[in-house]
Amino acid sequence: MPASADAVILPVFKAPGTRQAMISIQRFEERDWPATWKILEPVFRAGETYPCSTAISEEEAYYYWIEQPSATYIATDNDIHVEGSYYIKPNQPGLGGHVCNCGYVVGENARGRGIASEMCIHSQHEAVAQGFRAMQYNLVVSTNESAVHLWNKQGFDIIGTLPGAFQHRRLGFVDAHVMYKQLVTP
């Protein structure tokens, strides 16, 4: 699948001795679902970072990741493989609809290459373009230290910690953070 005309192409981490990796971030299209599900399924089944059931069906995952959000994006590599995906949606309806929420997943073999960071940057630009004024992550699992670190690095603050709010598949009940970033000054 070639990058669409509105795709954003970004260089990401280059390992020594390899060609420069490029990531293209573009809107999800129906043909992207099998590859997107391939990266979502193991993350959902692991029960370590997302609150959905570890027994989530493909149809339920499609609704959760594609139909429910206002937009979904994919990140593809040089060879047009889906390496990551994120969604964006209002965090609350109506009078709270100016704050968005996003979810991000990077495929296991693509982690550590800066893809989540690039998707986060892209999502902030998209959020502003879609009229959102702030971004909030409602359930950042405290044991997902790489995500907490990355979101802090991207300018998100932990505005609250919910004790035992996430039932981690291996560790039991663990804390979860609410993280927030103002995108447009009031």
N, C-alpha and C. Protein backbone atom coordinates (compact mmCIF):
# COMPACT_ATOMS: atom_id res chain seq x y z
N MET A 1 0.83 -1.17 0.00
CA MET A 1 0.00 0.00 0.00
C MET A 1 0.88 1.23 0.00
N PRO A 2 0.85 2.06 -1.01
CA PRO A 2 1.66 3.26 -1.07
C PRO A 2 1.16 4.31 -0.09
N ALA A 3 2.07 5.17 0.35
CA ALA A 3 1.69 6.24 1.25
C ALA A 3 0.72 7.17 0.52
N SER A 4 -0.30 7.60 1.21
CA SER A 4 -1.27 8.50 0.60
C SER A 4 -0.66 9.88 0.46
N ALA A 5 -1.31 10.71 -0.35
CA ALA A 5 -0.79 12.05 -0.61
C ALA A 5 -0.68 12.88 0.66
N ASP A 6 -1.51 12.60 1.66
CA ASP A 6 -1.47 13.38 2.90
C ASP A 6 -0.66 12.71 4.00
N ALA A 7 0.08 11.67 3.65
CA ALA A 7 0.91 10.98 4.62
C ALA A 7 2.06 11.87 5.07
N VAL A 8 2.43 11.74 6.32
CA VAL A 8 3.59 12.44 6.85
C VAL A 8 4.70 11.43 6.94
N ILE A 9 5.84 11.71 6.29
CA ILE A 9 6.96 10.77 6.29
C ILE A 9 8.05 11.32 7.19
N LEU A 10 8.46 10.52 8.16
CA LEU A 10 9.40 10.95 9.18
C LEU A 10 10.56 9.97 9.31
N PRO A 11 11.80 10.48 9.44
CA PRO A 11 12.91 9.56 9.72
C PRO A 11 12.84 9.12 11.17
N VAL A 12 13.17 7.89 11.43
CA VAL A 12 13.22 7.39 12.80
C VAL A 12 14.57 6.75 13.04
N PHE A 13 14.76 6.22 14.23
CA PHE A 13 16.03 5.65 14.65
C PHE A 13 16.66 4.74 13.59
N LYS A 14 17.95 4.95 13.34
CA LYS A 14 18.68 4.13 12.38
C LYS A 14 19.74 3.34 13.14
N ALA A 15 19.63 2.03 13.11
CA ALA A 15 20.63 1.18 13.73
C ALA A 15 21.90 1.21 12.89
N PRO A 16 23.07 1.15 13.53
CA PRO A 16 24.32 1.16 12.77
C PRO A 16 24.33 0.04 11.71
N GLY A 17 24.80 0.39 10.50
CA GLY A 17 24.91 -0.60 9.44
C GLY A 17 23.61 -0.89 8.71
N THR A 18 22.55 -0.13 8.98
CA THR A 18 21.28 -0.34 8.29
C THR A 18 20.91 0.92 7.53
N ARG A 19 19.98 0.76 6.60
CA ARG A 19 19.53 1.94 5.86
C ARG A 19 18.64 2.80 6.76
N GLN A 20 18.56 4.07 6.43
CA GLN A 20 17.73 4.99 7.22
C GLN A 20 16.28 4.53 7.18
N ALA A 21 15.73 4.33 8.34
CA ALA A 21 14.33 3.94 8.42
C ALA A 21 13.46 5.18 8.30
N MET A 22 12.39 5.04 7.55
CA MET A 22 11.43 6.12 7.41
C MET A 22 10.08 5.58 7.82
N ILE A 23 9.34 6.41 8.50
CA ILE A 23 8.00 6.03 8.91
C ILE A 23 7.03 6.99 8.25
N SER A 24 6.01 6.44 7.67
CA SER A 24 4.93 7.22 7.08
C SER A 24 3.71 7.05 7.97
N ILE A 25 3.14 8.16 8.39
CA ILE A 25 1.94 8.11 9.24
C ILE A 25 0.77 8.64 8.41
N GLN A 26 -0.24 7.82 8.31
CA GLN A 26 -1.39 8.18 7.48
C GLN A 26 -2.67 7.63 8.07
N ARG A 27 -3.79 8.14 7.60
CA ARG A 27 -5.09 7.66 8.07
C ARG A 27 -5.27 6.19 7.73
N PHE A 28 -5.86 5.48 8.67
CA PHE A 28 -6.21 4.08 8.48
C PHE A 28 -7.19 3.96 7.32
N GLU A 29 -6.99 2.94 6.49
CA GLU A 29 -7.93 2.56 5.45
C GLU A 29 -8.32 1.11 5.69
N GLU A 30 -9.48 0.73 5.24
CA GLU A 30 -10.01 -0.61 5.51
C GLU A 30 -9.00 -1.72 5.18
N ARG A 31 -8.26 -1.56 4.12
CA ARG A 31 -7.29 -2.58 3.73
C ARG A 31 -6.16 -2.75 4.75
N ASP A 32 -6.02 -1.80 5.67
CA ASP A 32 -4.97 -1.84 6.70
C ASP A 32 -5.35 -2.71 7.89
N TRP A 33 -6.63 -3.14 7.97
CA TRP A 33 -7.07 -3.84 9.18
C TRP A 33 -6.29 -5.12 9.48
N PRO A 34 -6.09 -6.04 8.54
CA PRO A 34 -5.38 -7.27 8.92
C PRO A 34 -4.01 -7.01 9.54
N ALA A 35 -3.26 -6.08 8.98
CA ALA A 35 -1.93 -5.77 9.52
C ALA A 35 -2.04 -5.02 10.85
N THR A 36 -3.06 -4.20 11.00
CA THR A 36 -3.26 -3.47 12.26
C THR A 36 -3.65 -4.45 13.36
N TRP A 37 -4.56 -5.35 13.06
CA TRP A 37 -4.97 -6.37 14.04
C TRP A 37 -3.78 -7.22 14.45
N LYS A 38 -2.89 -7.48 13.53
CA LYS A 38 -1.72 -8.30 13.82
C LYS A 38 -0.84 -7.67 14.91
N ILE A 39 -0.79 -6.33 14.96
CA ILE A 39 0.01 -5.70 16.02
C ILE A 39 -0.82 -5.44 17.28
N LEU A 40 -2.13 -5.24 17.12
CA LEU A 40 -2.98 -5.00 18.29
C LEU A 40 -3.21 -6.27 19.11
N GLU A 41 -3.46 -7.36 18.42
CA GLU A 41 -3.87 -8.59 19.12
C GLU A 41 -2.92 -9.01 20.23
N PRO A 42 -1.61 -9.10 19.97
CA PRO A 42 -0.73 -9.54 21.08
C PRO A 42 -0.70 -8.56 22.25
N VAL A 43 -0.86 -7.29 21.97
CA VAL A 43 -0.86 -6.29 23.05
C VAL A 43 -2.12 -6.45 23.89
N PHE A 44 -3.26 -6.59 23.25
CA PHE A 44 -4.51 -6.78 23.98
C PHE A 44 -4.51 -8.10 24.75
N ARG A 45 -4.01 -9.14 24.14
CA ARG A 45 -3.98 -10.46 24.79
C ARG A 45 -3.05 -10.49 26.00
N ALA A 46 -2.00 -9.68 25.97
CA ALA A 46 -1.02 -9.66 27.07
C ALA A 46 -1.63 -9.16 28.37
N GLY A 47 -2.61 -8.26 28.29
CA GLY A 47 -3.25 -7.76 29.51
C GLY A 47 -2.35 -6.92 30.38
N GLU A 48 -1.43 -6.18 29.77
CA GLU A 48 -0.47 -5.39 30.54
C GLU A 48 -0.59 -3.89 30.36
N THR A 49 -1.28 -3.45 29.29
CA THR A 49 -1.34 -2.01 29.02
C THR A 49 -2.70 -1.49 28.61
N TYR A 50 -3.59 -2.31 28.11
CA TYR A 50 -4.92 -1.86 27.68
C TYR A 50 -6.00 -2.52 28.52
N PRO A 51 -7.07 -1.78 28.83
CA PRO A 51 -8.11 -2.31 29.72
C PRO A 51 -9.09 -3.28 29.08
N CYS A 52 -8.99 -3.47 27.77
CA CYS A 52 -9.94 -4.39 27.13
C CYS A 52 -9.66 -5.83 27.58
N SER A 53 -10.66 -6.65 27.44
CA SER A 53 -10.54 -8.06 27.83
C SER A 53 -9.43 -8.73 27.04
N THR A 54 -8.68 -9.60 27.70
CA THR A 54 -7.65 -10.36 26.99
C THR A 54 -8.27 -11.35 26.01
N ALA A 55 -9.57 -11.58 26.13
CA ALA A 55 -10.29 -12.47 25.21
C ALA A 55 -11.05 -11.66 24.14
N ILE A 56 -10.68 -10.40 23.96
CA ILE A 56 -11.37 -9.55 22.99
C ILE A 56 -11.38 -10.22 21.61
N SER A 57 -12.53 -10.17 20.97
CA SER A 57 -12.62 -10.74 19.62
C SER A 57 -12.08 -9.73 18.60
N GLU A 58 -11.80 -10.21 17.43
CA GLU A 58 -11.33 -9.31 16.37
C GLU A 58 -12.39 -8.25 16.07
N GLU A 59 -13.66 -8.64 16.07
CA GLU A 59 -14.74 -7.69 15.79
C GLU A 59 -14.83 -6.62 16.89
N GLU A 60 -14.69 -7.03 18.14
CA GLU A 60 -14.72 -6.07 19.25
C GLU A 60 -13.52 -5.13 19.17
N ALA A 61 -12.37 -5.67 18.81
CA ALA A 61 -11.17 -4.85 18.67
C ALA A 61 -11.34 -3.84 17.55
N TYR A 62 -11.97 -4.26 16.46
CA TYR A 62 -12.21 -3.35 15.34
C TYR A 62 -13.08 -2.17 15.79
N TYR A 63 -14.12 -2.48 16.53
CA TYR A 63 -14.99 -1.42 17.04
C TYR A 63 -14.20 -0.48 17.96
N TYR A 64 -13.45 -1.06 18.88
CA TYR A 64 -12.69 -0.31 19.87
C TYR A 64 -11.64 0.60 19.22
N TRP A 65 -10.91 0.09 18.23
CA TRP A 65 -9.77 0.80 17.67
C TRP A 65 -10.11 1.60 16.41
N ILE A 66 -11.12 1.16 15.66
CA ILE A 66 -11.41 1.78 14.37
C ILE A 66 -12.74 2.54 14.37
N GLU A 67 -13.81 1.91 14.80
CA GLU A 67 -15.14 2.53 14.68
C GLU A 67 -15.43 3.56 15.75
N GLN A 68 -15.06 3.31 16.98
CA GLN A 68 -15.38 4.20 18.09
C GLN A 68 -14.60 5.53 18.02
N PRO A 69 -13.33 5.52 17.69
CA PRO A 69 -12.58 6.78 17.62
C PRO A 69 -13.05 7.66 16.45
N SER A 70 -12.71 8.94 16.52
CA SER A 70 -13.03 9.83 15.41
C SER A 70 -12.07 9.65 14.25
N ALA A 71 -10.86 9.16 14.52
CA ALA A 71 -9.89 8.87 13.45
C ALA A 71 -8.87 7.87 13.97
N THR A 72 -8.36 7.05 13.07
CA THR A 72 -7.30 6.10 13.39
C THR A 72 -6.22 6.25 12.34
N TYR A 73 -4.98 6.12 12.76
CA TYR A 73 -3.82 6.28 11.88
C TYR A 73 -2.93 5.05 11.98
N ILE A 74 -2.15 4.84 10.94
CA ILE A 74 -1.15 3.78 10.96
C ILE A 74 0.21 4.38 10.66
N ALA A 75 1.24 3.72 11.16
CA ALA A 75 2.62 4.09 10.86
C ALA A 75 3.22 2.92 10.08
N THR A 76 3.73 3.20 8.89
CA THR A 76 4.32 2.16 8.06
C THR A 76 5.80 2.45 7.86
N ASP A 77 6.56 1.39 7.62
CA ASP A 77 8.00 1.53 7.41
C ASP A 77 8.32 1.65 5.92
N ASN A 78 9.64 1.62 5.61
CA ASN A 78 10.09 1.73 4.22
C ASN A 78 9.43 0.70 3.31
N ASP A 79 9.19 -0.47 3.84
CA ASP A 79 8.63 -1.56 3.04
C ASP A 79 7.11 -1.63 3.13
N ILE A 80 6.49 -0.59 3.64
CA ILE A 80 5.03 -0.45 3.74
C ILE A 80 4.42 -1.49 4.67
N HIS A 81 5.15 -1.90 5.70
CA HIS A 81 4.59 -2.76 6.73
C HIS A 81 4.01 -1.88 7.83
N VAL A 82 2.85 -2.23 8.35
CA VAL A 82 2.28 -1.49 9.47
C VAL A 82 3.11 -1.81 10.71
N GLU A 83 3.71 -0.77 11.28
CA GLU A 83 4.57 -0.92 12.45
C GLU A 83 3.91 -0.39 13.72
N GLY A 84 2.90 0.47 13.55
CA GLY A 84 2.23 1.04 14.70
C GLY A 84 0.90 1.64 14.28
N SER A 85 0.11 1.99 15.28
CA SER A 85 -1.19 2.61 15.02
C SER A 85 -1.60 3.43 16.23
N TYR A 86 -2.38 4.46 15.97
CA TYR A 86 -2.99 5.20 17.08
C TYR A 86 -4.37 5.66 16.67
N TYR A 87 -5.19 5.90 17.70
CA TYR A 87 -6.51 6.49 17.46
C TYR A 87 -6.61 7.80 18.21
N ILE A 88 -7.58 8.60 17.79
CA ILE A 88 -7.87 9.86 18.46
C ILE A 88 -9.39 9.98 18.57
N LYS A 89 -9.85 10.45 19.72
CA LYS A 89 -11.28 10.61 19.94
C LYS A 89 -11.49 11.63 21.05
N PRO A 90 -12.69 12.20 21.14
CA PRO A 90 -12.97 13.07 22.28
C PRO A 90 -12.88 12.26 23.58
N ASN A 91 -12.28 12.85 24.59
CA ASN A 91 -12.18 12.16 25.88
C ASN A 91 -13.54 12.07 26.55
N GLN A 92 -14.37 13.08 26.36
CA GLN A 92 -15.71 13.13 26.92
C GLN A 92 -16.64 13.72 25.85
N PRO A 93 -17.92 13.46 25.94
CA PRO A 93 -18.85 14.07 24.98
C PRO A 93 -19.17 15.51 25.38
N GLY A 94 -19.83 16.20 24.48
CA GLY A 94 -20.38 17.52 24.77
C GLY A 94 -19.38 18.53 25.26
N LEU A 95 -19.64 19.07 26.45
CA LEU A 95 -18.83 20.17 26.97
C LEU A 95 -17.41 19.77 27.34
N GLY A 96 -17.10 18.48 27.36
CA GLY A 96 -15.73 18.01 27.58
C GLY A 96 -15.07 17.56 26.29
N GLY A 97 -15.76 17.75 25.17
CA GLY A 97 -15.29 17.25 23.89
C GLY A 97 -14.11 17.99 23.28
N HIS A 98 -13.65 19.05 23.91
CA HIS A 98 -12.49 19.78 23.39
C HIS A 98 -11.17 19.15 23.85
N VAL A 99 -11.25 18.16 24.73
CA VAL A 99 -10.07 17.42 25.18
C VAL A 99 -10.13 16.05 24.50
N CYS A 100 -9.04 15.65 23.87
CA CYS A 100 -9.04 14.36 23.18
C CYS A 100 -8.31 13.31 23.99
N ASN A 101 -8.50 12.09 23.56
CA ASN A 101 -7.83 10.93 24.13
C ASN A 101 -7.24 10.16 22.96
N CYS A 102 -6.08 9.58 23.15
CA CYS A 102 -5.44 8.78 22.12
C CYS A 102 -4.96 7.47 22.73
N GLY A 103 -4.85 6.45 21.89
CA GLY A 103 -4.25 5.19 22.27
C GLY A 103 -3.23 4.83 21.21
N TYR A 104 -2.10 4.27 21.61
CA TYR A 104 -1.00 3.97 20.70
C TYR A 104 -0.55 2.53 20.89
N VAL A 105 -0.22 1.87 19.80
CA VAL A 105 0.39 0.55 19.87
C VAL A 105 1.48 0.48 18.79
N VAL A 106 2.63 -0.03 19.19
CA VAL A 106 3.72 -0.30 18.24
C VAL A 106 3.95 -1.79 18.23
N GLY A 107 4.12 -2.36 17.05
CA GLY A 107 4.38 -3.78 16.93
C GLY A 107 5.63 -4.20 17.69
N GLU A 108 5.60 -5.40 18.21
CA GLU A 108 6.70 -5.88 19.05
C GLU A 108 8.06 -5.75 18.38
N ASN A 109 8.15 -6.07 17.10
CA ASN A 109 9.44 -6.02 16.40
C ASN A 109 9.87 -4.62 16.01
N ALA A 110 9.01 -3.63 16.23
CA ALA A 110 9.33 -2.26 15.84
C ALA A 110 9.60 -1.36 17.04
N ARG A 111 9.55 -1.90 18.23
CA ARG A 111 9.73 -1.08 19.43
C ARG A 111 11.18 -0.61 19.57
N GLY A 112 11.32 0.54 20.22
CA GLY A 112 12.66 1.08 20.46
C GLY A 112 13.23 1.85 19.28
N ARG A 113 12.41 2.13 18.27
CA ARG A 113 12.89 2.85 17.09
C ARG A 113 12.29 4.25 16.96
N GLY A 114 11.60 4.71 17.99
CA GLY A 114 11.06 6.06 17.97
C GLY A 114 9.70 6.20 17.32
N ILE A 115 9.06 5.09 17.00
CA ILE A 115 7.78 5.14 16.31
C ILE A 115 6.69 5.70 17.22
N ALA A 116 6.63 5.27 18.47
CA ALA A 116 5.61 5.79 19.40
C ALA A 116 5.78 7.29 19.58
N SER A 117 7.02 7.74 19.67
CA SER A 117 7.29 9.16 19.82
C SER A 117 6.78 9.94 18.61
N GLU A 118 7.06 9.43 17.42
CA GLU A 118 6.61 10.11 16.20
C GLU A 118 5.09 10.10 16.09
N MET A 119 4.46 8.99 16.49
CA MET A 119 3.00 8.95 16.47
C MET A 119 2.41 9.94 17.47
N CYS A 120 3.05 10.08 18.62
CA CYS A 120 2.56 11.03 19.63
C CYS A 120 2.66 12.46 19.10
N ILE A 121 3.78 12.79 18.47
CA ILE A 121 3.94 14.13 17.88
C ILE A 121 2.87 14.35 16.81
N HIS A 122 2.71 13.36 15.94
CA HIS A 122 1.71 13.45 14.87
C HIS A 122 0.31 13.63 15.47
N SER A 123 0.00 12.87 16.52
CA SER A 123 -1.34 12.95 17.11
C SER A 123 -1.61 14.32 17.71
N GLN A 124 -0.59 14.96 18.25
CA GLN A 124 -0.79 16.30 18.80
C GLN A 124 -1.12 17.31 17.71
N HIS A 125 -0.45 17.20 16.58
CA HIS A 125 -0.76 18.08 15.44
C HIS A 125 -2.16 17.80 14.92
N GLU A 126 -2.50 16.52 14.80
CA GLU A 126 -3.84 16.15 14.33
C GLU A 126 -4.91 16.63 15.30
N ALA A 127 -4.63 16.52 16.58
CA ALA A 127 -5.60 16.95 17.59
C ALA A 127 -5.92 18.43 17.42
N VAL A 128 -4.90 19.25 17.28
CA VAL A 128 -5.11 20.69 17.11
C VAL A 128 -5.86 20.94 15.80
N ALA A 129 -5.46 20.25 14.73
CA ALA A 129 -6.14 20.41 13.44
C ALA A 129 -7.61 20.02 13.52
N GLN A 130 -7.94 19.07 14.40
CA GLN A 130 -9.32 18.63 14.56
C GLN A 130 -10.09 19.47 15.59
N GLY A 131 -9.44 20.50 16.14
CA GLY A 131 -10.12 21.41 17.05
C GLY A 131 -10.00 21.08 18.53
N PHE A 132 -9.19 20.09 18.87
CA PHE A 132 -8.99 19.77 20.29
C PHE A 132 -8.02 20.77 20.90
N ARG A 133 -8.22 21.06 22.17
CA ARG A 133 -7.38 22.03 22.88
C ARG A 133 -6.40 21.37 23.85
N ALA A 134 -6.65 20.11 24.18
CA ALA A 134 -5.79 19.39 25.12
C ALA A 134 -5.90 17.90 24.84
N MET A 135 -4.96 17.15 25.41
CA MET A 135 -4.94 15.69 25.25
C MET A 135 -4.81 15.07 26.63
N GLN A 136 -5.59 14.02 26.87
CA GLN A 136 -5.57 13.35 28.16
C GLN A 136 -5.49 11.85 27.96
N TYR A 137 -4.59 11.21 28.70
CA TYR A 137 -4.51 9.76 28.73
C TYR A 137 -5.10 9.33 30.07
N ASN A 138 -6.12 8.52 30.04
CA ASN A 138 -6.89 8.20 31.22
C ASN A 138 -6.34 7.07 32.07
N LEU A 139 -5.59 6.17 31.48
CA LEU A 139 -5.20 4.96 32.20
C LEU A 139 -3.81 4.50 31.74
N VAL A 140 -2.79 5.29 32.08
CA VAL A 140 -1.41 4.92 31.74
C VAL A 140 -0.93 4.02 32.87
N VAL A 141 -0.77 2.76 32.57
CA VAL A 141 -0.41 1.77 33.58
C VAL A 141 0.98 2.10 34.13
N SER A 142 1.07 2.23 35.44
CA SER A 142 2.32 2.66 36.07
C SER A 142 3.49 1.73 35.78
N THR A 143 3.21 0.45 35.55
CA THR A 143 4.29 -0.51 35.27
C THR A 143 4.76 -0.42 33.82
N ASN A 144 4.07 0.34 32.98
CA ASN A 144 4.48 0.56 31.60
C ASN A 144 5.43 1.76 31.60
N GLU A 145 6.60 1.55 32.19
CA GLU A 145 7.54 2.64 32.44
C GLU A 145 8.00 3.34 31.18
N SER A 146 8.14 2.60 30.07
CA SER A 146 8.58 3.25 28.83
C SER A 146 7.53 4.24 28.34
N ALA A 147 6.24 3.91 28.48
CA ALA A 147 5.18 4.84 28.07
C ALA A 147 5.15 6.06 28.98
N VAL A 148 5.23 5.84 30.29
CA VAL A 148 5.22 6.96 31.23
C VAL A 148 6.39 7.90 30.92
N HIS A 149 7.57 7.35 30.69
CA HIS A 149 8.75 8.15 30.37
C HIS A 149 8.55 8.92 29.07
N LEU A 150 8.04 8.23 28.04
CA LEU A 150 7.84 8.87 26.74
C LEU A 150 6.83 10.00 26.83
N TRP A 151 5.70 9.76 27.49
CA TRP A 151 4.68 10.81 27.58
C TRP A 151 5.21 11.99 28.38
N ASN A 152 5.99 11.75 29.44
CA ASN A 152 6.63 12.86 30.17
C ASN A 152 7.55 13.64 29.24
N LYS A 153 8.32 12.94 28.48
CA LYS A 153 9.25 13.57 27.54
C LYS A 153 8.51 14.40 26.49
N GLN A 154 7.30 13.98 26.15
CA GLN A 154 6.49 14.70 25.17
C GLN A 154 5.72 15.86 25.80
N GLY A 155 5.92 16.10 27.10
CA GLY A 155 5.30 17.25 27.75
C GLY A 155 4.03 16.96 28.51
N PHE A 156 3.69 15.69 28.69
CA PHE A 156 2.50 15.33 29.46
C PHE A 156 2.85 15.26 30.94
N ASP A 157 1.95 15.76 31.76
CA ASP A 157 2.12 15.71 33.21
C ASP A 157 1.22 14.64 33.79
N ILE A 158 1.70 14.00 34.83
CA ILE A 158 0.84 13.10 35.61
C ILE A 158 0.01 14.01 36.51
N ILE A 159 -1.29 14.02 36.29
CA ILE A 159 -2.15 14.90 37.08
C ILE A 159 -2.90 14.14 38.17
N GLY A 160 -2.73 12.83 38.14
CA GLY A 160 -3.34 12.01 39.18
C GLY A 160 -2.90 10.57 39.04
N THR A 161 -2.89 9.87 40.14
CA THR A 161 -2.58 8.45 40.13
C THR A 161 -3.75 7.72 40.78
N LEU A 162 -4.25 6.73 40.09
CA LEU A 162 -5.39 5.95 40.55
C LEU A 162 -4.89 4.66 41.17
N PRO A 163 -4.94 4.52 42.49
CA PRO A 163 -4.40 3.34 43.16
C PRO A 163 -5.13 2.05 42.73
N GLY A 164 -4.36 1.08 42.29
CA GLY A 164 -4.91 -0.22 41.94
C GLY A 164 -5.95 -0.21 40.84
N ALA A 165 -5.92 0.79 39.96
CA ALA A 165 -6.97 0.96 38.96
C ALA A 165 -6.86 0.02 37.76
N PHE A 166 -5.73 -0.64 37.59
CA PHE A 166 -5.57 -1.53 36.44
C PHE A 166 -5.27 -2.94 36.94
N GLN A 167 -6.01 -3.88 36.41
CA GLN A 167 -5.80 -5.28 36.79
C GLN A 167 -4.84 -5.92 35.80
N HIS A 168 -3.57 -5.80 36.10
CA HIS A 168 -2.49 -6.32 35.27
C HIS A 168 -2.56 -7.85 35.26
N ARG A 169 -2.42 -8.42 34.09
CA ARG A 169 -2.57 -9.88 33.97
C ARG A 169 -1.57 -10.65 34.82
N ARG A 170 -0.33 -10.17 34.92
CA ARG A 170 0.70 -10.88 35.68
C ARG A 170 0.91 -10.34 37.09
N LEU A 171 0.75 -9.03 37.26
CA LEU A 171 1.12 -8.38 38.53
C LEU A 171 -0.06 -8.09 39.45
N GLY A 172 -1.27 -8.35 38.97
CA GLY A 172 -2.43 -8.04 39.79
C GLY A 172 -2.80 -6.57 39.68
N PHE A 173 -3.38 -6.02 40.74
CA PHE A 173 -3.83 -4.64 40.70
C PHE A 173 -2.64 -3.69 40.85
N VAL A 174 -2.48 -2.83 39.85
CA VAL A 174 -1.39 -1.84 39.85
C VAL A 174 -1.98 -0.45 39.63
N ASP A 175 -1.21 0.55 39.99
CA ASP A 175 -1.65 1.94 39.83
C ASP A 175 -1.70 2.32 38.34
N ALA A 176 -2.51 3.31 38.05
CA ALA A 176 -2.58 3.88 36.70
C ALA A 176 -2.57 5.40 36.83
N HIS A 177 -1.93 6.05 35.89
CA HIS A 177 -1.83 7.51 35.90
C HIS A 177 -2.82 8.12 34.91
N VAL A 178 -3.29 9.31 35.25
CA VAL A 178 -3.97 10.18 34.31
C VAL A 178 -2.93 11.20 33.89
N MET A 179 -2.69 11.32 32.58
CA MET A 179 -1.67 12.23 32.08
C MET A 179 -2.34 13.23 31.14
N TYR A 180 -1.84 14.47 31.16
CA TYR A 180 -2.54 15.56 30.48
C TYR A 180 -1.53 16.54 29.88
N LYS A 181 -1.92 17.08 28.72
CA LYS A 181 -1.12 18.14 28.09
C LYS A 181 -2.04 19.14 27.43
N GLN A 182 -1.86 20.40 27.75
CA GLN A 182 -2.58 21.49 27.08
C GLN A 182 -1.93 21.68 25.71
N LEU A 183 -2.72 21.64 24.65
CA LEU A 183 -2.20 21.78 23.29
C LEU A 183 -2.37 23.20 22.75
N VAL A 184 -3.39 23.88 23.21
CA VAL A 184 -3.70 25.25 22.79
C VAL A 184 -3.83 26.08 24.04
N THR A 185 -3.14 27.20 24.09
CA THR A 185 -3.21 28.03 25.29
C THR A 185 -4.59 28.67 25.40
N PRO A 186 -5.13 28.69 26.61
CA PRO A 186 -6.49 29.24 26.80
C PRO A 186 -6.58 30.71 26.46
